Amino acid sequence: MIKISLLIILSLLFTACINKHGISAKYYSDCKEYYDLQGYYHKECGEDDIITYKEMGEALKKKELEPSGNVY
């Protein structure tokens, strides 16, 4: 199990980019930036992240709350 998780982590490190949103296949996200007729700024980015920092935090919290199931 440890070998598999180590292999996955190493493959992500060498094939993925860590940016300010999380881990994605590209360092820069394809974003569309524009101002509307009222002068408000909008920025729409595609969902090209493999995993975001928010998802990582939620997964860790979920893992901490799960009972271990080991009884001594």
N, C-alpha and C. Protein backbone atom coordinates (compact mmCIF):
# COMPACT_ATOMS: atom_id res chain seq x y z
N MET A 1 0.82 -1.20 0.00
CA MET A 1 0.00 0.00 0.00
C MET A 1 0.87 1.27 0.00
N ILE A 2 1.94 1.22 0.76
CA ILE A 2 2.83 2.38 0.84
C ILE A 2 3.53 2.60 -0.49
N LYS A 3 3.90 1.51 -1.16
CA LYS A 3 4.57 1.64 -2.45
C LYS A 3 3.64 2.26 -3.49
N ILE A 4 2.37 1.89 -3.45
CA ILE A 4 1.41 2.43 -4.42
C ILE A 4 1.20 3.92 -4.18
N SER A 5 1.01 4.31 -2.92
CA SER A 5 0.80 5.72 -2.62
C SER A 5 2.05 6.55 -2.95
N LEU A 6 3.23 6.00 -2.71
CA LEU A 6 4.46 6.69 -3.05
C LEU A 6 4.59 6.86 -4.57
N LEU A 7 4.20 5.84 -5.31
CA LEU A 7 4.23 5.90 -6.76
C LEU A 7 3.27 6.97 -7.30
N ILE A 8 2.09 7.05 -6.71
CA ILE A 8 1.11 8.06 -7.13
C ILE A 8 1.62 9.46 -6.82
N ILE A 9 2.17 9.66 -5.66
CA ILE A 9 2.69 10.98 -5.27
C ILE A 9 3.84 11.39 -6.19
N LEU A 10 4.74 10.48 -6.48
CA LEU A 10 5.86 10.80 -7.36
C LEU A 10 5.39 11.10 -8.78
N SER A 11 4.39 10.35 -9.25
CA SER A 11 3.90 10.62 -10.60
C SER A 11 3.21 11.97 -10.67
N LEU A 12 2.51 12.38 -9.62
CA LEU A 12 1.89 13.71 -9.60
C LEU A 12 2.93 14.81 -9.54
N LEU A 13 4.00 14.59 -8.81
CA LEU A 13 5.03 15.61 -8.70
C LEU A 13 5.73 15.85 -10.02
N PHE A 14 5.89 14.82 -10.81
CA PHE A 14 6.62 14.97 -12.07
C PHE A 14 5.73 15.26 -13.26
N THR A 15 4.41 15.14 -13.12
CA THR A 15 3.52 15.40 -14.25
C THR A 15 2.56 16.54 -14.00
N ALA A 16 2.49 17.05 -12.81
CA ALA A 16 1.51 18.09 -12.49
C ALA A 16 2.22 19.36 -12.03
N CYS A 17 1.48 20.45 -12.07
CA CYS A 17 2.00 21.75 -11.63
C CYS A 17 1.25 22.17 -10.37
N ILE A 18 1.98 22.70 -9.43
CA ILE A 18 1.37 23.22 -8.22
C ILE A 18 1.24 24.73 -8.40
N ASN A 19 0.02 25.22 -8.41
CA ASN A 19 -0.21 26.65 -8.56
C ASN A 19 -0.97 27.18 -7.36
N LYS A 20 -1.48 28.40 -7.43
CA LYS A 20 -2.12 29.00 -6.25
C LYS A 20 -3.49 28.42 -5.94
N HIS A 21 -4.07 27.63 -6.86
CA HIS A 21 -5.38 27.02 -6.62
C HIS A 21 -5.26 25.59 -6.12
N GLY A 22 -4.22 24.89 -6.53
CA GLY A 22 -4.07 23.49 -6.19
C GLY A 22 -3.10 22.82 -7.14
N ILE A 23 -3.39 21.58 -7.48
CA ILE A 23 -2.54 20.83 -8.40
C ILE A 23 -3.31 20.68 -9.70
N SER A 24 -2.68 21.06 -10.80
CA SER A 24 -3.34 20.98 -12.10
C SER A 24 -2.36 20.51 -13.15
N ALA A 25 -2.87 20.27 -14.35
CA ALA A 25 -2.03 19.83 -15.45
C ALA A 25 -1.27 21.00 -16.06
N LYS A 26 -1.77 22.23 -15.86
CA LYS A 26 -1.13 23.43 -16.41
C LYS A 26 -0.84 24.40 -15.27
N TYR A 27 0.25 25.15 -15.41
CA TYR A 27 0.57 26.13 -14.36
C TYR A 27 -0.38 27.32 -14.41
N TYR A 28 -0.69 27.81 -15.61
CA TYR A 28 -1.60 28.93 -15.75
C TYR A 28 -2.95 28.42 -16.21
N SER A 29 -3.99 28.85 -15.54
CA SER A 29 -5.34 28.46 -15.91
C SER A 29 -5.80 29.29 -17.11
N ASP A 30 -6.63 28.68 -17.94
CA ASP A 30 -7.24 29.42 -19.04
C ASP A 30 -8.39 30.23 -18.49
N CYS A 31 -8.18 31.52 -18.32
CA CYS A 31 -9.19 32.39 -17.74
C CYS A 31 -9.67 33.41 -18.77
N LYS A 32 -10.92 33.73 -18.67
CA LYS A 32 -11.52 34.76 -19.52
C LYS A 32 -11.81 35.96 -18.62
N GLU A 33 -11.14 37.06 -18.87
CA GLU A 33 -11.30 38.26 -18.07
C GLU A 33 -11.93 39.35 -18.92
N TYR A 34 -12.93 40.02 -18.35
CA TYR A 34 -13.61 41.07 -19.10
C TYR A 34 -14.35 42.01 -18.15
N TYR A 35 -14.71 43.17 -18.67
CA TYR A 35 -15.55 44.13 -17.96
C TYR A 35 -16.91 44.14 -18.64
N ASP A 36 -17.98 44.15 -17.85
CA ASP A 36 -19.30 44.20 -18.46
C ASP A 36 -19.69 45.65 -18.74
N LEU A 37 -20.91 45.85 -19.23
CA LEU A 37 -21.35 47.19 -19.63
C LEU A 37 -21.42 48.16 -18.45
N GLN A 38 -21.60 47.65 -17.24
CA GLN A 38 -21.67 48.52 -16.06
C GLN A 38 -20.30 48.79 -15.47
N GLY A 39 -19.27 48.20 -16.03
CA GLY A 39 -17.91 48.45 -15.56
C GLY A 39 -17.41 47.48 -14.51
N TYR A 40 -18.15 46.40 -14.26
CA TYR A 40 -17.72 45.40 -13.28
C TYR A 40 -16.75 44.41 -13.93
N TYR A 41 -15.73 44.07 -13.18
CA TYR A 41 -14.70 43.15 -13.65
C TYR A 41 -15.14 41.72 -13.39
N HIS A 42 -14.99 40.85 -14.36
CA HIS A 42 -15.33 39.44 -14.23
C HIS A 42 -14.14 38.60 -14.64
N LYS A 43 -13.94 37.50 -13.94
CA LYS A 43 -12.88 36.55 -14.28
C LYS A 43 -13.46 35.15 -14.19
N GLU A 44 -13.56 34.47 -15.32
CA GLU A 44 -14.10 33.12 -15.37
C GLU A 44 -12.98 32.17 -15.75
N CYS A 45 -12.69 31.23 -14.86
CA CYS A 45 -11.62 30.28 -15.11
C CYS A 45 -12.20 28.88 -15.28
N GLY A 46 -11.56 28.10 -16.13
CA GLY A 46 -11.98 26.73 -16.34
C GLY A 46 -11.60 25.85 -15.17
N GLU A 47 -12.26 24.76 -15.04
CA GLU A 47 -11.98 23.81 -13.96
C GLU A 47 -10.97 22.79 -14.44
N ASP A 48 -9.70 23.17 -14.53
CA ASP A 48 -8.68 22.26 -14.99
C ASP A 48 -7.77 21.78 -13.87
N ASP A 49 -8.18 21.99 -12.61
CA ASP A 49 -7.38 21.52 -11.49
C ASP A 49 -7.64 20.04 -11.24
N ILE A 50 -6.59 19.31 -10.96
CA ILE A 50 -6.72 17.90 -10.59
C ILE A 50 -7.34 17.83 -9.20
N ILE A 51 -6.79 18.60 -8.28
CA ILE A 51 -7.33 18.71 -6.92
C ILE A 51 -6.98 20.09 -6.39
N THR A 52 -7.91 20.70 -5.67
CA THR A 52 -7.67 22.03 -5.11
C THR A 52 -7.28 21.90 -3.65
N TYR A 53 -6.73 22.98 -3.12
CA TYR A 53 -6.35 22.97 -1.70
C TYR A 53 -7.58 22.82 -0.81
N LYS A 54 -8.71 23.35 -1.24
CA LYS A 54 -9.95 23.22 -0.47
C LYS A 54 -10.38 21.75 -0.40
N GLU A 55 -10.30 21.05 -1.52
CA GLU A 55 -10.65 19.63 -1.53
C GLU A 55 -9.70 18.80 -0.68
N MET A 56 -8.41 19.17 -0.67
CA MET A 56 -7.43 18.47 0.16
C MET A 56 -7.76 18.64 1.64
N GLY A 57 -8.12 19.86 2.02
CA GLY A 57 -8.47 20.12 3.42
C GLY A 57 -9.72 19.37 3.85
N GLU A 58 -10.72 19.33 2.97
CA GLU A 58 -11.94 18.59 3.28
C GLU A 58 -11.66 17.09 3.41
N ALA A 59 -10.80 16.55 2.57
CA ALA A 59 -10.45 15.13 2.64
C ALA A 59 -9.72 14.82 3.94
N LEU A 60 -8.83 15.72 4.36
CA LEU A 60 -8.11 15.49 5.63
C LEU A 60 -9.05 15.57 6.82
N LYS A 61 -9.99 16.52 6.81
CA LYS A 61 -10.95 16.61 7.90
C LYS A 61 -11.82 15.37 7.96
N LYS A 62 -12.24 14.87 6.80
CA LYS A 62 -13.07 13.67 6.74
C LYS A 62 -12.30 12.47 7.26
N LYS A 63 -11.01 12.39 6.91
CA LYS A 63 -10.17 11.28 7.35
C LYS A 63 -9.99 11.31 8.87
N GLU A 64 -9.86 12.52 9.46
CA GLU A 64 -9.69 12.63 10.91
C GLU A 64 -10.95 12.23 11.66
N LEU A 65 -12.12 12.47 11.07
CA LEU A 65 -13.37 12.17 11.74
C LEU A 65 -13.76 10.70 11.66
N GLU A 66 -13.22 9.95 10.72
CA GLU A 66 -13.55 8.54 10.57
C GLU A 66 -12.93 7.75 11.70
N PRO A 67 -13.70 6.81 12.29
CA PRO A 67 -13.11 5.95 13.32
C PRO A 67 -12.13 4.97 12.69
N SER A 68 -11.11 4.64 13.42
CA SER A 68 -10.06 3.78 12.88
C SER A 68 -10.51 2.33 12.74
N GLY A 69 -11.38 1.87 13.61
CA GLY A 69 -11.87 0.50 13.52
C GLY A 69 -10.96 -0.50 14.21
N ASN A 70 -9.81 -0.09 14.66
CA ASN A 70 -8.89 -0.99 15.36
C ASN A 70 -9.23 -1.03 16.84
N VAL A 71 -9.47 -2.22 17.36
CA VAL A 71 -9.78 -2.38 18.78
C VAL A 71 -8.69 -3.24 19.40
N TYR A 72 -8.10 -2.73 20.45
CA TYR A 72 -7.03 -3.47 21.11
C TYR A 72 -7.51 -4.13 22.34
